[in-house]
PDB file of N, CA and C in Angstrom:
ATOM      1  N   UNK A   1      31.544 104.858  98.077  1.00  0.00           N
ATOM      2  CA  UNK A   1      31.710 105.632  99.348  1.00  0.00           C
ATOM      3  C   UNK A   1      31.679 104.714 100.804  1.00  0.00           C
ATOM      4  N   UNK A   2      32.538 104.623 101.246  1.00  0.00           N
ATOM      5  CA  UNK A   2      32.345 103.450 102.311  1.00  0.00           C
ATOM      6  C   UNK A   2      32.193 104.616 103.521  1.00  0.00           C
ATOM      7  N   UNK A   3      31.324 104.557 104.013  1.00  0.00           N
ATOM      8  CA  UNK A   3      30.470 105.368 105.242  1.00  0.00           C
ATOM      9  C   UNK A   3      30.587 104.545 106.549  1.00  0.00           C
ATOM     10  N   UNK A   4      31.455 104.931 107.335  1.00  0.00           N
ATOM     11  CA  UNK A   4      31.903 103.995 108.833  1.00  0.00           C
ATOM     12  C   UNK A   4      30.828 104.595 109.770  1.00  0.00           C
ATOM     13  N   UNK A   5      30.490 106.244 109.752  1.00  0.00           N
ATOM     14  CA  UNK A   5      29.694 106.765 110.790  1.00  0.00           C
ATOM     15  C   UNK A   5      28.909 107.929 110.435  1.00  0.00           C
ATOM     16  N   UNK A   6      27.409 108.070 110.592  1.00  0.00           N
ATOM     17  CA  UNK A   6      26.947 109.579 110.975  1.00  0.00           C
ATOM     18  C   UNK A   6      26.158 110.167 111.726  1.00  0.00           C
ATOM     19  N   UNK A   7      26.123 111.480 111.593  1.00  0.00           N
ATOM     20  CA  UNK A   7      25.313 112.091 112.517  1.00  0.00           C
ATOM     21  C   UNK A   7      24.774 113.159 111.518  1.00  0.00           C
ATOM     22  N   UNK A   8      23.303 113.614 111.925  1.00  0.00           N
ATOM     23  CA  UNK A   8      22.910 114.944 111.629  1.00  0.00           C
ATOM     24  C   UNK A   8      23.294 116.206 112.255  1.00  0.00           C
ATOM     25  N   UNK A   9      23.740 117.348 111.524  1.00  0.00           N
ATOM     26  CA  UNK A   9      24.502 118.528 112.201  1.00  0.00           C
ATOM     27  C   UNK A   9      23.196 119.615 112.557  1.00  0.00           C
ATOM     28  N   UNK A  10      23.414 120.258 113.813  1.00  0.00           N
ATOM     29  CA  UNK A  10      22.290 121.446 113.725  1.00  0.00           C
ATOM     30  C   UNK A  10      22.822 122.678 114.201  1.00  0.00           C
ATOM     31  N   UNK A  11      22.773 123.801 113.377  1.00  0.00           N
ATOM     32  CA  UNK A  11      23.390 124.682 114.191  1.00  0.00           C
ATOM     33  C   UNK A  11      22.460 125.958 114.350  1.00  0.00           C
ATOM     34  N   UNK A  12      21.837 125.661 115.536  1.00  0.00           N
ATOM     35  CA  UNK A  12      20.849 126.635 116.207  1.00  0.00           C
ATOM     36  C   UNK A  12      21.002 127.922 116.182  1.00  0.00           C
ATOM     37  N   UNK A  13      19.935 128.730 115.666  1.00  0.00           N
ATOM     38  CA  UNK A  13      20.245 130.399 116.198  1.00  0.00           C
ATOM     39  C   UNK A  13      20.563 130.609 117.687  1.00  0.00           C
ATOM     40  N   UNK A  14      19.549 129.694 118.529  1.00  0.00           N
ATOM     41  CA  UNK A  14      19.544 129.735 120.020  1.00  0.00           C
ATOM     42  C   UNK A  14      20.207 128.619 120.628  1.00  0.00           C
ATOM     43  N   UNK A  15      21.457 128.572 120.434  1.00  0.00           N
ATOM     44  CA  UNK A  15      21.887 126.758 120.941  1.00  0.00           C
ATOM     45  C   UNK A  15      21.685 126.453 122.682  1.00  0.00           C
ATOM     46  N   UNK A  16      21.464 127.553 123.303  1.00  0.00           N
ATOM     47  CA  UNK A  16      21.396 126.951 124.938  1.00  0.00           C
ATOM     48  C   UNK A  16      19.466 126.441 124.429  1.00  0.00           C
ATOM     49  N   UNK A  17      18.960 127.423 124.025  1.00  0.00           N
ATOM     50  CA  UNK A  17      17.451 127.151 123.846  1.00  0.00           C
ATOM     51  C   UNK A  17      17.250 125.653 123.381  1.00  0.00           C
ATOM     52  N   UNK A  18      17.817 125.485 122.382  1.00  0.00           N
ATOM     53  CA  UNK A  18      18.071 124.328 121.563  1.00  0.00           C
ATOM     54  C   UNK A  18      18.521 123.050 122.247  1.00  0.00           C
ATOM     55  N   UNK A  19      19.171 123.168 122.738  1.00  0.00           N
ATOM     56  CA  UNK A  19      20.119 121.794 123.688  1.00  0.00           C
ATOM     57  C   UNK A  19      18.724 121.827 124.888  1.00  0.00           C
ATOM     58  N   UNK A  20      18.132 122.480 125.612  1.00  0.00           N
ATOM     59  CA  UNK A  20      17.471 122.683 126.350  1.00  0.00           C
ATOM     60  C   UNK A  20      15.809 121.552 125.712  1.00  0.00           C
ATOM     61  N   UNK A  21      16.003 121.887 124.638  1.00  0.00           N
ATOM     62  CA  UNK A  21      14.560 121.594 124.168  1.00  0.00           C
ATOM     63  C   UNK A  21      15.044 119.902 123.858  1.00  0.00           C
ATOM     64  N   UNK A  22      16.293 119.693 123.132  1.00  0.00           N
ATOM     65  CA  UNK A  22      16.458 118.324 123.226  1.00  0.00           C
ATOM     66  C   UNK A  22      16.694 117.329 124.210  1.00  0.00           C
ATOM     67  N   UNK A  23      16.929 118.136 125.221  1.00  0.00           N
ATOM     68  CA  UNK A  23      17.885 117.399 126.571  1.00  0.00           C
ATOM     69  C   UNK A  23      16.678 117.248 127.274  1.00  0.00           C
ATOM     70  N   UNK A  24      16.224 118.508 127.205  1.00  0.00           N
ATOM     71  CA  UNK A  24      14.935 118.226 128.249  1.00  0.00           C
ATOM     72  C   UNK A  24      13.275 118.385 127.792  1.00  0.00           C
ATOM     73  N   UNK A  25      12.795 118.991 126.856  1.00  0.00           N
ATOM     74  CA  UNK A  25      11.627 118.492 126.354  1.00  0.00           C
ATOM     75  C   UNK A  25      11.627 117.188 125.440  1.00  0.00           C
ATOM     76  N   UNK A  26      12.529 117.051 124.546  1.00  0.00           N
ATOM     77  CA  UNK A  26      12.405 115.625 124.179  1.00  0.00           C
ATOM     78  C   UNK A  26      13.083 114.573 124.991  1.00  0.00           C
ATOM     79  N   UNK A  27      14.156 114.917 125.867  1.00  0.00           N
ATOM     80  CA  UNK A  27      14.602 113.754 126.683  1.00  0.00           C
ATOM     81  C   UNK A  27      15.230 112.895 125.805  1.00  0.00           C
ATOM     82  N   UNK A  28      16.467 113.305 124.837  1.00  0.00           N
ATOM     83  CA  UNK A  28      16.996 112.723 124.408  1.00  0.00           C
ATOM     84  C   UNK A  28      18.622 112.577 125.191  1.00  0.00           C
ATOM     85  N   UNK A  29      18.951 111.425 125.388  1.00  0.00           N
ATOM     86  CA  UNK A  29      20.416 111.123 126.504  1.00  0.00           C
ATOM     87  C   UNK A  29      21.507 111.700 125.368  1.00  0.00           C
ATOM     88  N   UNK A  30      22.287 112.273 126.467  1.00  0.00           N
ATOM     89  CA  UNK A  30      23.323 112.819 125.702  1.00  0.00           C
ATOM     90  C   UNK A  30      24.431 111.847 125.579  1.00  0.00           C
ATOM     91  N   UNK A  31      25.341 111.844 124.230  1.00  0.00           N
ATOM     92  CA  UNK A  31      26.660 110.754 123.880  1.00  0.00           C
ATOM     93  C   UNK A  31      27.715 111.384 124.384  1.00  0.00           C
ATOM     94  N   UNK A  32      27.451 112.696 124.124  1.00  0.00           N
ATOM     95  CA  UNK A  32      29.079 113.212 124.345  1.00  0.00           C
ATOM     96  C   UNK A  32      28.783 114.918 124.530  1.00  0.00           C
ATOM     97  N   UNK A  33      29.442 115.802 124.848  1.00  0.00           N
ATOM     98  CA  UNK A  33      29.661 117.062 125.068  1.00  0.00           C
ATOM     99  C   UNK A  33      30.960 117.283 124.435  1.00  0.00           C
ATOM    100  N   UNK A  34      31.287 118.653 124.416  1.00  0.00           N
ATOM    101  CA  UNK A  34      32.827 118.915 123.820  1.00  0.00           C
ATOM    102  C   UNK A  34      32.586 120.423 123.641  1.00  0.00           C
ATOM    103  N   UNK A  35      33.725 121.204 123.644  1.00  0.00           N
ATOM    104  CA  UNK A  35      33.795 122.574 123.297  1.00  0.00           C
ATOM    105  C   UNK A  35      34.407 123.149 124.773  1.00  0.00           C
ATOM    106  N   UNK A  36      34.445 124.694 124.519  1.00  0.00           N
ATOM    107  CA  UNK A  36      34.277 125.476 125.654  1.00  0.00           C
ATOM    108  C   UNK A  36      32.867 125.653 126.177  1.00  0.00           C
ATOM    109  N   UNK A  37      33.001 125.468 127.727  1.00  0.00           N
ATOM    110  CA  UNK A  37      31.542 125.412 128.371  1.00  0.00           C
ATOM    111  C   UNK A  37      30.693 126.506 127.719  1.00  0.00           C
ATOM    112  N   UNK A  38      30.998 127.860 127.923  1.00  0.00           N
ATOM    113  CA  UNK A  38      30.514 128.838 127.372  1.00  0.00           C
ATOM    114  C   UNK A  38      29.887 128.770 125.736  1.00  0.00           C
ATOM    115  N   UNK A  39      30.157 127.722 124.955  1.00  0.00           N
ATOM    116  CA  UNK A  39      29.852 127.308 123.734  1.00  0.00           C
ATOM    117  C   UNK A  39      29.909 125.950 123.623  1.00  0.00           C
ATOM    118  N   UNK A  40      29.468 124.863 124.911  1.00  0.00           N
ATOM    119  CA  UNK A  40      29.400 123.887 124.248  1.00  0.00           C
ATOM    120  C   UNK A  40      28.025 122.943 123.224  1.00  0.00           C
ATOM    121  N   UNK A  41      29.474 122.026 122.500  1.00  0.00           N
ATOM    122  CA  UNK A  41      28.379 121.239 121.394  1.00  0.00           C
ATOM    123  C   UNK A  41      27.995 119.869 122.267  1.00  0.00           C
ATOM    124  N   UNK A  42      26.736 119.505 121.887  1.00  0.00           N
ATOM    125  CA  UNK A  42      26.316 118.397 122.283  1.00  0.00           C
ATOM    126  C   UNK A  42      25.606 117.597 120.831  1.00  0.00           C
ATOM    127  N   UNK A  43      25.884 116.354 121.298  1.00  0.00           N
ATOM    128  CA  UNK A  43      25.860 115.092 120.794  1.00  0.00           C
ATOM    129  C   UNK A  43      25.129 114.534 121.567  1.00  0.00           C
ATOM    130  N   UNK A  44      23.517 114.021 121.331  1.00  0.00           N
ATOM    131  CA  UNK A  44      22.613 112.956 121.249  1.00  0.00           C
ATOM    132  C   UNK A  44      22.624 111.565 120.745  1.00  0.00           C
ATOM    133  N   UNK A  45      22.201 110.522 121.833  1.00  0.00           N
ATOM    134  CA  UNK A  45      21.657 109.546 120.762  1.00  0.00           C
ATOM    135  C   UNK A  45      20.245 109.377 119.904  1.00  0.00           C
ATOM    136  N   UNK A  46      20.211 109.225 118.610  1.00  0.00           N
ATOM    137  CA  UNK A  46      19.096 109.940 118.365  1.00  0.00           C
ATOM    138  C   UNK A  46      18.843 108.250 117.593  1.00  0.00           C
ATOM    139  N   UNK A  47      18.082 107.349 118.252  1.00  0.00           N
ATOM    140  CA  UNK A  47      17.963 105.911 117.499  1.00  0.00           C
ATOM    141  C   UNK A  47      19.199 105.337 117.089  1.00  0.00           C
ATOM    142  N   UNK A  48      19.266 104.847 116.264  1.00  0.00           N
ATOM    143  CA  UNK A  48      20.604 104.880 115.328  1.00  0.00           C
ATOM    144  C   UNK A  48      21.548 105.156 114.979  1.00  0.00           C
ATOM    145  N   UNK A  49      21.175 106.842 114.882  1.00  0.00           N
ATOM    146  CA  UNK A  49      22.072 107.669 114.381  1.00  0.00           C
ATOM    147  C   UNK A  49      22.582 108.750 115.880  1.00  0.00           C
ATOM    148  N   UNK A  50      23.138 109.684 115.442  1.00  0.00           N
ATOM    149  CA  UNK A  50      23.156 110.991 116.411  1.00  0.00           C
ATOM    150  C   UNK A  50      22.982 111.892 115.855  1.00  0.00           C
ATOM    151  N   UNK A  51      22.378 113.144 116.742  1.00  0.00           N
ATOM    152  CA  UNK A  51      22.325 114.174 116.507  1.00  0.00           C
ATOM    153  C   UNK A  51      23.070 115.418 117.501  1.00  0.00           C
ATOM    154  N   UNK A  52      24.072 116.048 116.705  1.00  0.00           N
ATOM    155  CA  UNK A  52      24.906 116.692 117.218  1.00  0.00           C
ATOM    156  C   UNK A  52      24.220 118.380 116.980  1.00  0.00           C
ATOM    157  N   UNK A  53      24.251 119.339 118.082  1.00  0.00           N
ATOM    158  CA  UNK A  53      24.111 120.806 117.997  1.00  0.00           C
ATOM    159  C   UNK A  53      25.260 121.263 118.809  1.00  0.00           C
ATOM    160  N   UNK A  54      25.920 122.368 117.589  1.00  0.00           N
ATOM    161  CA  UNK A  54      27.121 122.691 117.535  1.00  0.00           C
ATOM    162  C   UNK A  54      27.199 124.262 117.202  1.00  0.00           C
ATOM    163  N   UNK A  55      28.181 124.940 117.195  1.00  0.00           N
ATOM    164  CA  UNK A  55      28.022 126.370 116.624  1.00  0.00           C
ATOM    165  C   UNK A  55      26.608 127.361 116.842  1.00  0.00           C
ATOM    166  N   UNK A  56      26.538 128.147 115.706  1.00  0.00           N
ATOM    167  CA  UNK A  56      24.926 128.703 115.831  1.00  0.00           C
ATOM    168  C   UNK A  56      24.830 129.429 114.122  1.00  0.00           C
ATOM    169  N   UNK A  57      23.657 128.901 113.829  1.00  0.00           N
ATOM    170  CA  UNK A  57      23.296 129.100 112.417  1.00  0.00           C
ATOM    171  C   UNK A  57      22.790 130.742 112.599  1.00  0.00           C
ATOM    172  N   UNK A  58      22.658 130.996 110.954  1.00  0.00           N
ATOM    173  CA  UNK A  58      22.155 132.845 110.716  1.00  0.00           C
ATOM    174  C   UNK A  58      21.243 132.439 109.811  1.00  0.00           C
ATOM    175  N   UNK A  59      20.313 133.228 109.582  1.00  0.00           N
ATOM    176  CA  UNK A  59      19.407 133.458 108.471  1.00  0.00           C
ATOM    177  C   UNK A  59      19.569 132.960 107.258  1.00  0.00           C
ATOM    178  N   UNK A  60      21.260 132.995 106.691  1.00  0.00           N
ATOM    179  CA  UNK A  60      21.710 132.651 105.539  1.00  0.00           C
ATOM    180  C   UNK A  60      21.679 131.054 105.042  1.00  0.00           C
ATOM    181  N   UNK A  61      21.793 130.405 105.958  1.00  0.00           N
ATOM    182  CA  UNK A  61      21.827 129.030 105.795  1.00  0.00           C
ATOM    183  C   UNK A  61      20.750 128.182 105.720  1.00  0.00           C
ATOM    184  N   UNK A  62      20.391 127.250 104.646  1.00  0.00           N
ATOM    185  CA  UNK A  62      19.507 126.632 104.807  1.00  0.00           C
ATOM    186  C   UNK A  62      19.379 125.498 105.600  1.00  0.00           C
ATOM    187  N   UNK A  63      18.366 125.924 106.457  1.00  0.00           N
ATOM    188  CA  UNK A  63      17.556 125.308 107.665  1.00  0.00           C
ATOM    189  C   UNK A  63      18.630 124.987 108.899  1.00  0.00           C
ATOM    190  N   UNK A  64      20.131 125.433 108.334  1.00  0.00           N
ATOM    191  CA  UNK A  64      21.037 125.081 109.495  1.00  0.00           C
ATOM    192  C   UNK A  64      21.138 123.703 109.808  1.00  0.00           C
ATOM    193  N   UNK A  65      21.162 122.710 108.730  1.00  0.00           N
ATOM    194  CA  UNK A  65      21.111 121.613 109.023  1.00  0.00           C
ATOM    195  C   UNK A  65      22.494 121.020 107.953  1.00  0.00           C
ATOM    196  N   UNK A  66      23.111 119.857 108.610  1.00  0.00           N
ATOM    197  CA  UNK A  66      24.485 119.619 107.402  1.00  0.00           C
ATOM    198  C   UNK A  66      24.132 117.631 107.956  1.00  0.00           C
ATOM    199  N   UNK A  67      24.781 117.468 107.052  1.00  0.00           N
ATOM    200  CA  UNK A  67      24.671 116.053 107.031  1.00  0.00           C
ATOM    201  C   UNK A  67      26.635 115.338 107.452  1.00  0.00           C
ATOM    202  N   UNK A  68      26.909 114.843 108.426  1.00  0.00           N
ATOM    203  CA  UNK A  68      27.821 114.433 108.654  1.00  0.00           C
ATOM    204  C   UNK A  68      28.211 113.020 108.697  1.00  0.00           C
ATOM    205  N   UNK A  69      28.911 112.859 107.570  1.00  0.00           N
ATOM    206  CA  UNK A  69      29.389 111.416 107.351  1.00  0.00           C
ATOM    207  C   UNK A  69      30.717 111.219 107.617  1.00  0.00           C
ATOM    208  N   UNK A  70      31.234 110.021 108.352  1.00  0.00           N
ATOM    209  CA  UNK A  70      32.791 109.830 108.669  1.00  0.00           C
ATOM    210  C   UNK A  70      33.080 108.757 107.482  1.00  0.00           C
ATOM    211  N   UNK A  71      34.194 109.035 106.441  1.00  0.00           N
ATOM    212  CA  UNK A  71      34.747 108.230 105.699  1.00  0.00           C
ATOM    213  C   UNK A  71      36.287 108.257 105.959  1.00  0.00           C
ATOM    214  N   UNK A  72      36.819 107.011 105.304  1.00  0.00           N
ATOM    215  CA  UNK A  72      38.140 106.537 105.496  1.00  0.00           C
ATOM    216  C   UNK A  72      38.953 107.703 104.957  1.00  0.00           C
ATOM    217  N   UNK A  73      39.012 107.898 104.200  1.00  0.00           N
ATOM    218  CA  UNK A  73      39.899 108.828 103.139  1.00  0.00           C
ATOM    219  C   UNK A  73      39.473 110.341 102.568  1.00  0.00           C
ATOM    220  N   UNK A  74      39.314 111.453 103.259  1.00  0.00           N
ATOM    221  CA  UNK A  74      38.729 112.527 102.762  1.00  0.00           C
ATOM    222  C   UNK A  74      39.263 112.723 101.504  1.00  0.00           C
ATOM    223  N   UNK A  75      40.254 112.984 101.541  1.00  0.00           N
ATOM    224  CA  UNK A  75      41.410 113.326 100.471  1.00  0.00           C
ATOM    225  C   UNK A  75      40.896 112.521  98.767  1.00  0.00           C
ATOM    226  N   UNK A  76      40.749 111.415  99.227  1.00  0.00           N
ATOM    227  CA  UNK A  76      40.204 110.282  98.131  1.00  0.00           C
ATOM    228  C   UNK A  76      38.758 111.007  97.458  1.00  0.00           C
ATOM    229  N   UNK A  77      38.183 111.153  98.613  1.00  0.00           N
ATOM    230  CA  UNK A  77      36.463 111.176  98.041  1.00  0.00           C
ATOM    231  C   UNK A  77      36.453 112.888  97.641  1.00  0.00           C
ATOM    232  N   UNK A  78      37.628 113.989  98.134  1.00  0.00           N
ATOM    233  CA  UNK A  78      37.689 115.107  97.408  1.00  0.00           C
ATOM    234  C   UNK A  78      37.772 115.022  96.003  1.00  0.00           C
ATOM    235  N   UNK A  79      38.810 114.018  95.942  1.00  0.00           N
ATOM    236  CA  UNK A  79      39.126 113.650  93.979  1.00  0.00           C
ATOM    237  C   UNK A  79      38.140 113.374  93.505  1.00  0.00           C
ATOM    238  N   UNK A  80      37.540 112.389  94.027  1.00  0.00           N
ATOM    239  CA  UNK A  80      36.346 111.768  93.725  1.00  0.00           C
ATOM    240  C   UNK A  80      35.005 112.551  93.122  1.00  0.00           C
ATOM    241  N   UNK A  81      34.713 113.162  94.316  1.00  0.00           N
ATOM    242  CA  UNK A  81      33.617 113.738  94.262  1.00  0.00           C
ATOM    243  C   UNK A  81      33.658 115.101  93.568  1.00  0.00           C
ATOM    244  N   UNK A  82      34.996 115.825  93.299  1.00  0.00           N
ATOM    245  CA  UNK A  82      35.612 117.086  92.557  1.00  0.00           C
ATOM    246  C   UNK A  82      35.040 116.635  90.955  1.00  0.00           C
ATOM    247  N   UNK A  83      35.685 115.350  90.475  1.00  0.00           N
ATOM    248  CA  UNK A  83      35.518 114.634  89.224  1.00  0.00           C
ATOM    249  C   UNK A  83      33.947 114.197  88.943  1.00  0.00           C
ATOM    250  N   UNK A  84      33.127 114.189  89.940  1.00  0.00           N
ATOM    251  CA  UNK A  84      31.907 114.234  89.585  1.00  0.00           C
ATOM    252  C   UNK A  84      31.018 115.174  89.305  1.00  0.00           C
ATOM    253  N   UNK A  85      31.740 116.512  89.478  1.00  0.00           N
ATOM    254  CA  UNK A  85      31.068 117.298  89.440  1.00  0.00           C
ATOM    255  C   UNK A  85      30.319 117.979  90.724  1.00  0.00           C
ATOM    256  N   UNK A  86      30.591 117.488  91.674  1.00  0.00           N
ATOM    257  CA  UNK A  86      30.169 118.065  92.977  1.00  0.00           C
ATOM    258  C   UNK A  86      30.687 119.615  93.864  1.00  0.00           C
ATOM    259  N   UNK A  87      29.874 120.218  93.977  1.00  0.00           N
ATOM    260  CA  UNK A  87      30.179 121.625  94.636  1.00  0.00           C
ATOM    261  C   UNK A  87      30.968 121.247  95.753  1.00  0.00           C
ATOM    262  N   UNK A  88      31.798 121.831  95.615  1.00  0.00           N
ATOM    263  CA  UNK A  88      32.828 121.792  97.176  1.00  0.00           C
ATOM    264  C   UNK A  88      32.921 123.198  97.785  1.00  0.00           C
ATOM    265  N   UNK A  89      32.177 122.990  99.032  1.00  0.00           N
ATOM    266  CA  UNK A  89      32.033 124.601  99.885  1.00  0.00           C
ATOM    267  C   UNK A  89      32.995 125.017 100.246  1.00  0.00           C
ATOM    268  N   UNK A  90      34.525 123.682 100.785  1.00  0.00           N
ATOM    269  CA  UNK A  90      35.389 124.501 101.506  1.00  0.00           C
ATOM    270  C   UNK A  90      35.993 122.797 101.360  1.00  0.00           C
ATOM    271  N   UNK A  91      37.482 123.215 100.707  1.00  0.00           N
ATOM    272  CA  UNK A  91      38.434 122.163 100.745  1.00  0.00           C
ATOM    273  C   UNK A  91      38.863 121.144 101.744  1.00  0.00           C
ATOM    274  N   UNK A  92      39.108 119.855 101.450  1.00  0.00           N
ATOM    275  CA  UNK A  92      39.704 119.334 102.669  1.00  0.00           C
ATOM    276  C   UNK A  92      40.745 120.072 103.869  1.00  0.00           C
ATOM    277  N   UNK A  93      40.359 120.226 105.082  1.00  0.00           N
ATOM    278  CA  UNK A  93      41.614 120.458 105.605  1.00  0.00           C
ATOM    279  C   UNK A  93      41.602 119.706 107.322  1.00  0.00           C
ATOM    280  N   UNK A  94      42.616 120.049 107.653  1.00  0.00           N
ATOM    281  CA  UNK A  94      42.675 119.635 109.281  1.00  0.00           C
ATOM    282  C   UNK A  94      41.827 120.940 110.359  1.00  0.00           C
ATOM    283  N   UNK A  95      40.956 120.538 110.614  1.00  0.00           N
ATOM    284  CA  UNK A  95      40.237 121.619 111.919  1.00  0.00           C
ATOM    285  C   UNK A  95      41.091 121.509 113.380  1.00  0.00           C
ATOM    286  N   UNK A  96      40.956 122.771 113.591  1.00  0.00           N
ATOM    287  CA  UNK A  96      41.917 122.911 115.100  1.00  0.00           C
ATOM    288  C   UNK A  96      41.585 121.348 115.996  1.00  0.00           C
ATOM    289  N   UNK A  97      40.387 120.808 116.053  1.00  0.00           N
ATOM    290  CA  UNK A  97      39.927 120.080 117.080  1.00  0.00           C
ATOM    291  C   UNK A  97      40.321 118.509 116.647  1.00  0.00           C
ATOM    292  N   UNK A  98      41.522 118.828 115.222  1.00  0.00           N
ATOM    293  CA  UNK A  98      41.922 117.103 114.728  1.00  0.00           C
ATOM    294  C   UNK A  98      41.674 116.670 113.813  1.00  0.00           C
ATOM    295  N   UNK A  99      40.248 116.791 113.285  1.00  0.00           N
ATOM    296  CA  UNK A  99      39.731 115.895 112.493  1.00  0.00           C
ATOM    297  C   UNK A  99      39.965 116.865 110.893  1.00  0.00           C
ATOM    298  N   UNK A 100      39.951 115.870 109.830  1.00  0.00           N
ATOM    299  CA  UNK A 100      40.012 116.302 108.784  1.00  0.00           C
ATOM    300  C   UNK A 100      38.740 116.513 108.400  1.00  0.00           C
ATOM    301  N   UNK A 101      38.019 117.793 107.475  1.00  0.00           N
ATOM    302  CA  UNK A 101      37.008 117.631 106.886  1.00  0.00           C
ATOM    303  C   UNK A 101      36.949 118.432 105.694  1.00  0.00           C
ATOM    304  N   UNK A 102      35.832 117.667 105.179  1.00  0.00           N
ATOM    305  CA  UNK A 102      35.799 118.560 103.515  1.00  0.00           C
ATOM    306  C   UNK A 102      33.806 119.099 103.296  1.00  0.00           C
ATOM    307  N   UNK A 103      33.967 119.715 103.010  1.00  0.00           N
ATOM    308  CA  UNK A 103      32.342 120.257 103.036  1.00  0.00           C
ATOM    309  C   UNK A 103      31.914 120.325 101.662  1.00  0.00           C
ATOM    310  N   UNK A 104      31.133 119.707 101.447  1.00  0.00           N
ATOM    311  CA  UNK A 104      30.350 119.722 100.361  1.00  0.00           C
ATOM    312  C   UNK A 104      28.645 120.338  99.950  1.00  0.00           C
ATOM    313  N   UNK A 105      28.535 120.379  98.435  1.00  0.00           N
ATOM    314  CA  UNK A 105      26.840 120.867  98.834  1.00  0.00           C
ATOM    315  C   UNK A 105      26.022 119.582  98.334  1.00  0.00           C
ATOM    316  N   UNK A 106      24.835 119.032  98.921  1.00  0.00           N
ATOM    317  CA  UNK A 106      24.040 118.181  97.637  1.00  0.00           C
ATOM    318  C   UNK A 106      23.488 119.313  96.727  1.00  0.00           C
ATOM    319  N   UNK A 107      22.220 118.496  95.997  1.00  0.00           N
ATOM    320  CA  UNK A 107      22.082 119.215  94.995  1.00  0.00           C
ATOM    321  C   UNK A 107      20.723 120.398  95.211  1.00  0.00           C
ATOM    322  N   UNK A 108      20.292 120.378  96.572  1.00  0.00           N
ATOM    323  CA  UNK A 108      19.709 121.481  96.941  1.00  0.00           C
ATOM    324  C   UNK A 108      20.487 122.740  97.633  1.00  0.00           C
ATOM    325  N   UNK A 109      21.672 122.483  97.474  1.00  0.00           N
ATOM    326  CA  UNK A 109      22.667 123.292  98.436  1.00  0.00           C
ATOM    327  C   UNK A 109      22.873 122.895 100.237  1.00  0.00           C
ATOM    328  N   UNK A 110      22.377 121.748 100.470  1.00  0.00           N
ATOM    329  CA  UNK A 110      22.266 121.135 101.755  1.00  0.00           C
ATOM    330  C   UNK A 110      24.202 120.802 101.675  1.00  0.00           C
ATOM    331  N   UNK A 111      24.574 121.408 103.358  1.00  0.00           N
ATOM    332  CA  UNK A 111      26.036 120.915 103.295  1.00  0.00           C
ATOM    333  C   UNK A 111      26.066 119.381 104.114  1.00  0.00           C
ATOM    334  N   UNK A 112      27.160 118.903 103.552  1.00  0.00           N
ATOM    335  CA  UNK A 112      27.447 117.430 104.234  1.00  0.00           C
ATOM    336  C   UNK A 112      29.127 117.960 104.255  1.00  0.00           C
ATOM    337  N   UNK A 113      29.369 117.389 105.679  1.00  0.00           N
ATOM    338  CA  UNK A 113      30.566 117.695 105.933  1.00  0.00           C
ATOM    339  C   UNK A 113      31.164 116.193 105.874  1.00  0.00           C
ATOM    340  N   UNK A 114      32.219 115.981 104.882  1.00  0.00           N
ATOM    341  CA  UNK A 114      33.023 114.453 105.300  1.00  0.00           C
ATOM    342  C   UNK A 114      33.959 114.505 105.807  1.00  0.00           C
ATOM    343  N   UNK A 115      34.273 113.402 106.652  1.00  0.00           N
ATOM    344  CA  UNK A 115      35.233 113.686 107.887  1.00  0.00           C
ATOM    345  C   UNK A 115      35.949 112.612 108.212  1.00  0.00           C
ATOM    346  N   UNK A 116      37.530 113.029 108.456  1.00  0.00           N
ATOM    347  CA  UNK A 116      38.351 111.502 108.362  1.00  0.00           C
ATOM    348  C   UNK A 116      38.945 112.001 109.771  1.00  0.00           C
ATOM    349  N   UNK A 117      38.743 110.695 110.796  1.00  0.00           N
ATOM    350  CA  UNK A 117      39.459 110.747 111.625  1.00  0.00           C
ATOM    351  C   UNK A 117      41.111 109.829 111.786  1.00  0.00           C
ATOM    352  N   UNK A 118      41.840 110.942 112.255  1.00  0.00           N
ATOM    353  CA  UNK A 118      43.563 110.698 111.810  1.00  0.00           C
ATOM    354  C   UNK A 118      43.511 109.575 112.824  1.00  0.00           C
ATOM    355  N   UNK A 119      44.524 109.179 112.690  1.00  0.00           N
ATOM    356  CA  UNK A 119      44.901 107.328 113.822  1.00  0.00           C
ATOM    357  C   UNK A 119      45.314 107.980 114.982  1.00  0.00           C
ATOM    358  N   UNK A 120      45.846 109.134 114.815  1.00  0.00           N
ATOM    359  CA  UNK A 120      46.217 109.639 116.349  1.00  0.00           C
ATOM    360  C   UNK A 120      45.114 110.411 116.707  1.00  0.00           C
ATOM    361  N   UNK A 121      44.025 110.949 116.727  1.00  0.00           N
ATOM    362  CA  UNK A 121      42.981 111.356 117.218  1.00  0.00           C
ATOM    363  C   UNK A 121      42.564 110.688 118.458  1.00  0.00           C
ATOM    364  N   UNK A 122      41.943 111.642 119.802  1.00  0.00           N
ATOM    365  CA  UNK A 122      41.313 111.122 120.661  1.00  0.00           C
ATOM    366  C   UNK A 122      39.825 110.327 120.634  1.00  0.00           C
ATOM    367  N   UNK A 123      39.442 110.441 119.578  1.00  0.00           N
ATOM    368  CA  UNK A 123      37.926 109.696 118.867  1.00  0.00           C
ATOM    369  C   UNK A 123      38.437 108.170 118.455  1.00  0.00           C
ATOM    370  N   UNK A 124      39.916 108.059 118.185  1.00  0.00           N
ATOM    371  CA  UNK A 124      40.404 106.552 117.935  1.00  0.00           C
ATOM    372  C   UNK A 124      41.031 105.801 119.315  1.00  0.00           C
ATOM    373  N   UNK A 125      41.403 106.094 120.266  1.00  0.00           N
ATOM    374  CA  UNK A 125      41.944 105.945 121.572  1.00  0.00           C
ATOM    375  C   UNK A 125      40.867 104.904 122.215  1.00  0.00           C
ATOM    376  N   UNK A 126      41.526 103.644 122.679  1.00  0.00           N
ATOM    377  CA  UNK A 126      40.900 103.278 123.380  1.00  0.00           C
ATOM    378  C   UNK A 126      40.665 103.705 124.747  1.00  0.00           C
ATOM    379  N   UNK A 127      39.128 103.984 125.717  1.00  0.00           N
ATOM    380  CA  UNK A 127      38.904 104.597 126.621  1.00  0.00           C
ATOM    381  C   UNK A 127      38.769 103.804 127.934  1.00  0.00           C
ATOM    382  N   UNK A 128      39.296 102.682 127.571  1.00  0.00           N
ATOM    383  CA  UNK A 128      38.915 101.537 128.412  1.00  0.00           C
ATOM    384  C   UNK A 128      39.815 101.697 129.744  1.00  0.00           C
TER     385      UNK A 128
END
C-alpha cells in the first residue's frame, strides 16, 4: 500500500468540549477547519501527523477512533483488501465533500478510512 498521508480521526461524544480540550487545554495548533459553523470539523497539527475531530461518536463505537489513510487508488485497494479477507465496513464511494472513501476494520474492529483525493478536489489545488 502506498500511503501518502494519514491522520487520526476522533468522533467525540461532545465535539465542542473536545475542540476546547485539544485547542485550549493542550494548545494544539489548528491545521484547518471545515464543515458547517454549527458542527465544524477541526484538524490539528500533531507532531508529524494530524488529529481530526469531526462528527459525533456514540457508545457503540470502539473508542470513537479511526485511522485515516490517503491512498492513490481506493478502488484498487478495495479489491486487494477484499481478496486478502479484510472486513469491509462500507464499500468505496464518493462523499458529498468530494473525497472517495472506503471503510475497513482492523482485526480488533477499529475503523480505518482509506481516502482518495480526486484530481479536481480542492485539496489538490495550488492555494498560492
